[in-house]
């Protein structure tokens, strides 16, 4: 456990907690966590996770603005994704994971290129869904956290593995909160 892992863990914990509570502050705090985790993941050869942190920084800025402005200047409401479209998105994420995993396996010394790539692509999908305030983002985050906990634990990132276990429970809470808000809309 390094000081950068501890700081990243605290920033991410606060950001994800705020996302489940539908707070716009999730975005700027997430940027801080992404910068710190980029460094942490680089140090343990989880390069897809480094790429993911860069993606999170960019999308956090975009998500922040999107949540504030919505489509017509109003706050964007929580929405559902059509089932067929959702499963198509999951399939596309899996295909991209295979391609990125192959690149990492072939051209780097990545420790777990396939699993790391799957976490990357499903995190990207979940982040886009979160930005669009789609309730299904919480199901995807549940899958990501289920995969991430053992990966991070095997790389000696026990604090991060513990955090992602907490994120798993938080995703259930976010799903509950967002369902309740969706019914009230």
C-alpha atoms as a PDB file:
ATOM      1  CA  UNK A   1       0.000   0.000   0.000  1.00  0.00           C
ATOM      2  CA  UNK A   2       1.560   3.265  -1.158  1.00  0.00           C
ATOM      3  CA  UNK A   3       0.606   6.855  -0.339  1.00  0.00           C
ATOM      4  CA  UNK A   4      -0.574   7.328  -3.948  1.00  0.00           C
ATOM      5  CA  UNK A   5      -2.834   4.245  -3.688  1.00  0.00           C
ATOM      6  CA  UNK A   6      -4.297   5.550  -0.420  1.00  0.00           C
ATOM      7  CA  UNK A   7      -4.967   9.012  -1.892  1.00  0.00           C
ATOM      8  CA  UNK A   8      -6.429   7.540  -5.091  1.00  0.00           C
ATOM      9  CA  UNK A   9      -8.596   5.193  -3.074  1.00  0.00           C
ATOM     10  CA  UNK A  10     -10.007   8.016  -0.953  1.00  0.00           C
ATOM     11  CA  UNK A  11     -10.770  10.222  -3.970  1.00  0.00           C
ATOM     12  CA  UNK A  12     -12.429   7.373  -5.870  1.00  0.00           C
ATOM     13  CA  UNK A  13     -14.441   6.306  -2.835  1.00  0.00           C
ATOM     14  CA  UNK A  14     -15.857   9.790  -2.439  1.00  0.00           C
ATOM     15  CA  UNK A  15     -16.536  10.142  -6.171  1.00  0.00           C
ATOM     16  CA  UNK A  16     -18.404   6.841  -6.461  1.00  0.00           C
ATOM     17  CA  UNK A  17     -20.346   7.507  -3.269  1.00  0.00           C
ATOM     18  CA  UNK A  18     -21.446  10.839  -4.739  1.00  0.00           C
ATOM     19  CA  UNK A  19     -22.432   9.199  -8.063  1.00  0.00           C
ATOM     20  CA  UNK A  20     -24.747   6.790  -6.261  1.00  0.00           C
ATOM     21  CA  UNK A  21     -26.318   9.772  -4.551  1.00  0.00           C
ATOM     22  CA  UNK A  22     -26.779  11.541  -7.895  1.00  0.00           C
ATOM     23  CA  UNK A  23     -24.414  14.411  -7.000  1.00  0.00           C
ATOM     24  CA  UNK A  24     -22.709  16.429  -9.725  1.00  0.00           C
ATOM     25  CA  UNK A  25     -19.582  16.658  -7.518  1.00  0.00           C
ATOM     26  CA  UNK A  26     -18.816  13.055  -8.455  1.00  0.00           C
ATOM     27  CA  UNK A  27     -17.115  14.334 -11.608  1.00  0.00           C
ATOM     28  CA  UNK A  28     -14.390  16.709 -10.372  1.00  0.00           C
ATOM     29  CA  UNK A  29     -13.481  14.458  -7.470  1.00  0.00           C
ATOM     30  CA  UNK A  30     -13.295  11.552  -9.923  1.00  0.00           C
ATOM     31  CA  UNK A  31     -10.759  13.473 -11.995  1.00  0.00           C
ATOM     32  CA  UNK A  32      -8.446  13.710  -9.004  1.00  0.00           C
ATOM     33  CA  UNK A  33      -8.825   9.977  -8.339  1.00  0.00           C
ATOM     34  CA  UNK A  34      -8.171   9.127 -11.996  1.00  0.00           C
ATOM     35  CA  UNK A  35      -4.888  11.034 -12.077  1.00  0.00           C
ATOM     36  CA  UNK A  36      -3.703   9.279  -8.930  1.00  0.00           C
ATOM     37  CA  UNK A  37      -4.853   5.830 -10.049  1.00  0.00           C
ATOM     38  CA  UNK A  38      -3.172   6.286 -13.434  1.00  0.00           C
ATOM     39  CA  UNK A  39       0.126   6.399 -11.576  1.00  0.00           C
ATOM     40  CA  UNK A  40      -0.760   3.451  -9.324  1.00  0.00           C
ATOM     41  CA  UNK A  41      -1.811   1.167 -12.186  1.00  0.00           C
ATOM     42  CA  UNK A  42       1.269   2.055 -14.239  1.00  0.00           C
ATOM     43  CA  UNK A  43       3.457   0.936 -11.351  1.00  0.00           C
ATOM     44  CA  UNK A  44       1.875  -2.566 -11.317  1.00  0.00           C
ATOM     45  CA  UNK A  45       1.775  -3.083 -15.109  1.00  0.00           C
ATOM     46  CA  UNK A  46      -2.006  -2.816 -15.526  1.00  0.00           C
ATOM     47  CA  UNK A  47      -1.757  -0.706 -18.669  1.00  0.00           C
ATOM     48  CA  UNK A  48      -5.377  -1.008 -19.745  1.00  0.00           C
ATOM     49  CA  UNK A  49      -6.293   0.501 -16.394  1.00  0.00           C
ATOM     50  CA  UNK A  50      -3.916   3.411 -17.104  1.00  0.00           C
ATOM     51  CA  UNK A  51      -5.708   3.963 -20.407  1.00  0.00           C
ATOM     52  CA  UNK A  52      -8.982   3.790 -18.520  1.00  0.00           C
ATOM     53  CA  UNK A  53      -7.894   6.580 -16.165  1.00  0.00           C
ATOM     54  CA  UNK A  54      -7.165   8.877 -19.118  1.00  0.00           C
ATOM     55  CA  UNK A  55     -10.597   8.038 -20.485  1.00  0.00           C
ATOM     56  CA  UNK A  56     -12.164   8.763 -17.080  1.00  0.00           C
ATOM     57  CA  UNK A  57     -10.544  12.205 -16.938  1.00  0.00           C
ATOM     58  CA  UNK A  58     -11.933  13.152 -20.351  1.00  0.00           C
ATOM     59  CA  UNK A  59     -15.375  11.715 -19.719  1.00  0.00           C
ATOM     60  CA  UNK A  60     -15.581  13.214 -16.255  1.00  0.00           C
ATOM     61  CA  UNK A  61     -15.256  16.658 -17.767  1.00  0.00           C
ATOM     62  CA  UNK A  62     -17.882  15.782 -20.382  1.00  0.00           C
ATOM     63  CA  UNK A  63     -20.197  14.105 -17.875  1.00  0.00           C
ATOM     64  CA  UNK A  64     -19.950  17.055 -15.540  1.00  0.00           C
ATOM     65  CA  UNK A  65     -21.090  19.428 -18.269  1.00  0.00           C
ATOM     66  CA  UNK A  66     -23.732  16.995 -19.560  1.00  0.00           C
ATOM     67  CA  UNK A  67     -25.314  16.540 -16.139  1.00  0.00           C
ATOM     68  CA  UNK A  68     -25.457  20.299 -15.621  1.00  0.00           C
ATOM     69  CA  UNK A  69     -26.903  21.168 -19.033  1.00  0.00           C
ATOM     70  CA  UNK A  70     -28.921  18.115 -20.150  1.00  0.00           C
ATOM     71  CA  UNK A  71     -30.289  17.998 -23.682  1.00  0.00           C
ATOM     72  CA  UNK A  72     -32.287  21.233 -23.661  1.00  0.00           C
ATOM     73  CA  UNK A  73     -30.600  23.208 -20.914  1.00  0.00           C
ATOM     74  CA  UNK A  74     -32.435  21.287 -18.175  1.00  0.00           C
ATOM     75  CA  UNK A  75     -30.904  18.772 -15.809  1.00  0.00           C
ATOM     76  CA  UNK A  76     -30.754  15.431 -17.618  1.00  0.00           C
ATOM     77  CA  UNK A  77     -33.275  12.925 -16.195  1.00  0.00           C
ATOM     78  CA  UNK A  78     -32.463   9.318 -15.316  1.00  0.00           C
ATOM     79  CA  UNK A  79     -33.429   7.069 -18.259  1.00  0.00           C
ATOM     80  CA  UNK A  80     -33.665   3.419 -19.308  1.00  0.00           C
ATOM     81  CA  UNK A  81     -31.906   1.749 -22.239  1.00  0.00           C
ATOM     82  CA  UNK A  82     -33.860  -0.606 -24.510  1.00  0.00           C
ATOM     83  CA  UNK A  83     -32.944  -4.206 -23.710  1.00  0.00           C
ATOM     84  CA  UNK A  84     -31.777  -5.105 -27.221  1.00  0.00           C
ATOM     85  CA  UNK A  85     -29.590  -2.018 -27.422  1.00  0.00           C
ATOM     86  CA  UNK A  86     -28.112  -2.757 -23.994  1.00  0.00           C
ATOM     87  CA  UNK A  87     -27.108  -6.302 -24.984  1.00  0.00           C
ATOM     88  CA  UNK A  88     -25.646  -5.048 -28.254  1.00  0.00           C
ATOM     89  CA  UNK A  89     -23.501  -2.600 -26.270  1.00  0.00           C
ATOM     90  CA  UNK A  90     -22.324  -5.420 -23.983  1.00  0.00           C
ATOM     91  CA  UNK A  91     -21.375  -7.556 -26.996  1.00  0.00           C
ATOM     92  CA  UNK A  92     -19.462  -4.675 -28.593  1.00  0.00           C
ATOM     93  CA  UNK A  93     -17.565  -4.064 -25.346  1.00  0.00           C
ATOM     94  CA  UNK A  94     -16.593  -7.748 -25.202  1.00  0.00           C
ATOM     95  CA  UNK A  95     -15.309  -7.699 -28.797  1.00  0.00           C
ATOM     96  CA  UNK A  96     -13.243  -4.570 -28.144  1.00  0.00           C
ATOM     97  CA  UNK A  97     -11.866  -6.217 -24.973  1.00  0.00           C
ATOM     98  CA  UNK A  98     -10.623  -9.178 -26.991  1.00  0.00           C
ATOM     99  CA  UNK A  99      -8.903  -6.856 -29.476  1.00  0.00           C
ATOM    100  CA  UNK A 100      -7.278  -4.698 -26.819  1.00  0.00           C
ATOM    101  CA  UNK A 101      -6.294  -7.761 -24.816  1.00  0.00           C
ATOM    102  CA  UNK A 102      -4.574  -9.160 -27.902  1.00  0.00           C
ATOM    103  CA  UNK A 103      -2.640  -5.901 -28.366  1.00  0.00           C
ATOM    104  CA  UNK A 104      -1.531  -5.857 -24.735  1.00  0.00           C
ATOM    105  CA  UNK A 105      -0.630  -9.548 -24.815  1.00  0.00           C
ATOM    106  CA  UNK A 106       1.398  -9.164 -28.004  1.00  0.00           C
ATOM    107  CA  UNK A 107       3.163  -5.846 -27.478  1.00  0.00           C
ATOM    108  CA  UNK A 108       3.542  -5.275 -23.719  1.00  0.00           C
ATOM    109  CA  UNK A 109       4.502  -7.003 -20.522  1.00  0.00           C
ATOM    110  CA  UNK A 110       0.983  -6.517 -19.163  1.00  0.00           C
ATOM    111  CA  UNK A 111       0.263  -8.791 -16.240  1.00  0.00           C
ATOM    112  CA  UNK A 112      -3.336  -9.801 -17.070  1.00  0.00           C
ATOM    113  CA  UNK A 113      -4.068  -8.345 -20.516  1.00  0.00           C
ATOM    114  CA  UNK A 114      -7.388 -10.126 -21.118  1.00  0.00           C
ATOM    115  CA  UNK A 115      -9.025  -9.452 -17.770  1.00  0.00           C
ATOM    116  CA  UNK A 116      -7.571  -5.952 -17.622  1.00  0.00           C
ATOM    117  CA  UNK A 117      -9.018  -5.237 -21.081  1.00  0.00           C
ATOM    118  CA  UNK A 118     -12.427  -6.552 -20.096  1.00  0.00           C
ATOM    119  CA  UNK A 119     -12.435  -4.261 -17.069  1.00  0.00           C
ATOM    120  CA  UNK A 120     -11.409  -1.383 -19.351  1.00  0.00           C
ATOM    121  CA  UNK A 121     -14.118  -1.861 -21.964  1.00  0.00           C
ATOM    122  CA  UNK A 122     -16.941  -2.525 -19.535  1.00  0.00           C
ATOM    123  CA  UNK A 123     -15.846   0.482 -17.468  1.00  0.00           C
ATOM    124  CA  UNK A 124     -15.954   2.615 -20.612  1.00  0.00           C
ATOM    125  CA  UNK A 125     -19.466   1.369 -21.329  1.00  0.00           C
ATOM    126  CA  UNK A 126     -20.585   1.989 -17.736  1.00  0.00           C
ATOM    127  CA  UNK A 127     -19.062   5.467 -17.745  1.00  0.00           C
ATOM    128  CA  UNK A 128     -20.865   6.449 -20.950  1.00  0.00           C
ATOM    129  CA  UNK A 129     -24.103   5.134 -19.491  1.00  0.00           C
ATOM    130  CA  UNK A 130     -23.487   7.079 -16.272  1.00  0.00           C
ATOM    131  CA  UNK A 131     -22.820  10.234 -18.284  1.00  0.00           C
ATOM    132  CA  UNK A 132     -26.133   9.722 -20.065  1.00  0.00           C
ATOM    133  CA  UNK A 133     -27.835   8.995 -16.741  1.00  0.00           C
ATOM    134  CA  UNK A 134     -28.885   5.542 -17.898  1.00  0.00           C
ATOM    135  CA  UNK A 135     -29.908   3.340 -14.986  1.00  0.00           C
ATOM    136  CA  UNK A 136     -28.245   0.257 -16.517  1.00  0.00           C
ATOM    137  CA  UNK A 137     -24.824   1.769 -15.747  1.00  0.00           C
ATOM    138  CA  UNK A 138     -25.151   0.225 -12.287  1.00  0.00           C
ATOM    139  CA  UNK A 139     -25.465  -3.326 -13.696  1.00  0.00           C
ATOM    140  CA  UNK A 140     -22.302  -2.831 -15.721  1.00  0.00           C
ATOM    141  CA  UNK A 141     -20.466  -1.401 -12.713  1.00  0.00           C
ATOM    142  CA  UNK A 142     -21.495  -4.488 -10.748  1.00  0.00           C
ATOM    143  CA  UNK A 143     -19.827  -6.672 -13.399  1.00  0.00           C
ATOM    144  CA  UNK A 144     -16.697  -4.480 -13.497  1.00  0.00           C
ATOM    145  CA  UNK A 145     -16.307  -4.547  -9.726  1.00  0.00           C
ATOM    146  CA  UNK A 146     -16.809  -8.318  -9.635  1.00  0.00           C
ATOM    147  CA  UNK A 147     -13.878  -8.721 -12.056  1.00  0.00           C
ATOM    148  CA  UNK A 148     -11.672  -5.980 -10.593  1.00  0.00           C
ATOM    149  CA  UNK A 149     -11.584  -7.135  -6.963  1.00  0.00           C
ATOM    150  CA  UNK A 150      -9.633 -10.374  -7.565  1.00  0.00           C
ATOM    151  CA  UNK A 151      -7.389  -8.774 -10.216  1.00  0.00           C
ATOM    152  CA  UNK A 152      -6.302  -5.933  -7.961  1.00  0.00           C
ATOM    153  CA  UNK A 153      -5.860  -8.285  -5.005  1.00  0.00           C
ATOM    154  CA  UNK A 154      -3.493 -10.505  -7.015  1.00  0.00           C
ATOM    155  CA  UNK A 155      -1.370  -7.459  -7.921  1.00  0.00           C
ATOM    156  CA  UNK A 156      -0.891  -6.524  -4.278  1.00  0.00           C
ATOM    157  CA  UNK A 157      -3.346  -3.621  -4.403  1.00  0.00           C
ATOM    158  CA  UNK A 158      -5.288  -4.812  -1.372  1.00  0.00           C
ATOM    159  CA  UNK A 159      -6.659  -1.386  -0.511  1.00  0.00           C
ATOM    160  CA  UNK A 160      -7.872  -0.926  -4.086  1.00  0.00           C
ATOM    161  CA  UNK A 161      -9.386  -4.426  -4.117  1.00  0.00           C
ATOM    162  CA  UNK A 162     -11.195  -3.567  -0.892  1.00  0.00           C
ATOM    163  CA  UNK A 163     -12.379  -0.296  -2.387  1.00  0.00           C
ATOM    164  CA  UNK A 164     -13.797  -2.063  -5.438  1.00  0.00           C
ATOM    165  CA  UNK A 165     -15.588  -4.465  -3.107  1.00  0.00           C
ATOM    166  CA  UNK A 166     -17.164  -1.427  -1.452  1.00  0.00           C
ATOM    167  CA  UNK A 167     -17.946  -0.112  -4.970  1.00  0.00           C
ATOM    168  CA  UNK A 168     -19.781  -3.379  -5.641  1.00  0.00           C
ATOM    169  CA  UNK A 169     -22.102  -2.692  -2.706  1.00  0.00           C
ATOM    170  CA  UNK A 170     -22.338   0.969  -3.683  1.00  0.00           C
ATOM    171  CA  UNK A 171     -23.479  -0.045  -7.182  1.00  0.00           C
ATOM    172  CA  UNK A 172     -26.375  -1.916  -5.597  1.00  0.00           C
ATOM    173  CA  UNK A 173     -27.177   1.180  -3.570  1.00  0.00           C
ATOM    174  CA  UNK A 174     -26.923   3.405  -6.665  1.00  0.00           C
ATOM    175  CA  UNK A 175     -29.236   1.098  -8.557  1.00  0.00           C
ATOM    176  CA  UNK A 176     -31.752   1.260  -5.718  1.00  0.00           C
ATOM    177  CA  UNK A 177     -31.533   5.065  -5.466  1.00  0.00           C
ATOM    178  CA  UNK A 178     -31.773   5.643  -9.198  1.00  0.00           C
ATOM    179  CA  UNK A 179     -34.729   3.231  -9.542  1.00  0.00           C
ATOM    180  CA  UNK A 180     -36.528   5.142  -6.836  1.00  0.00           C
ATOM    181  CA  UNK A 181     -35.804   8.478  -8.503  1.00  0.00           C
ATOM    182  CA  UNK A 182     -36.818   7.118 -11.919  1.00  0.00           C
ATOM    183  CA  UNK A 183     -40.196   6.045 -10.521  1.00  0.00           C
ATOM    184  CA  UNK A 184     -40.675   9.519  -9.029  1.00  0.00           C
ATOM    185  CA  UNK A 185     -39.918  11.334 -12.314  1.00  0.00           C
END
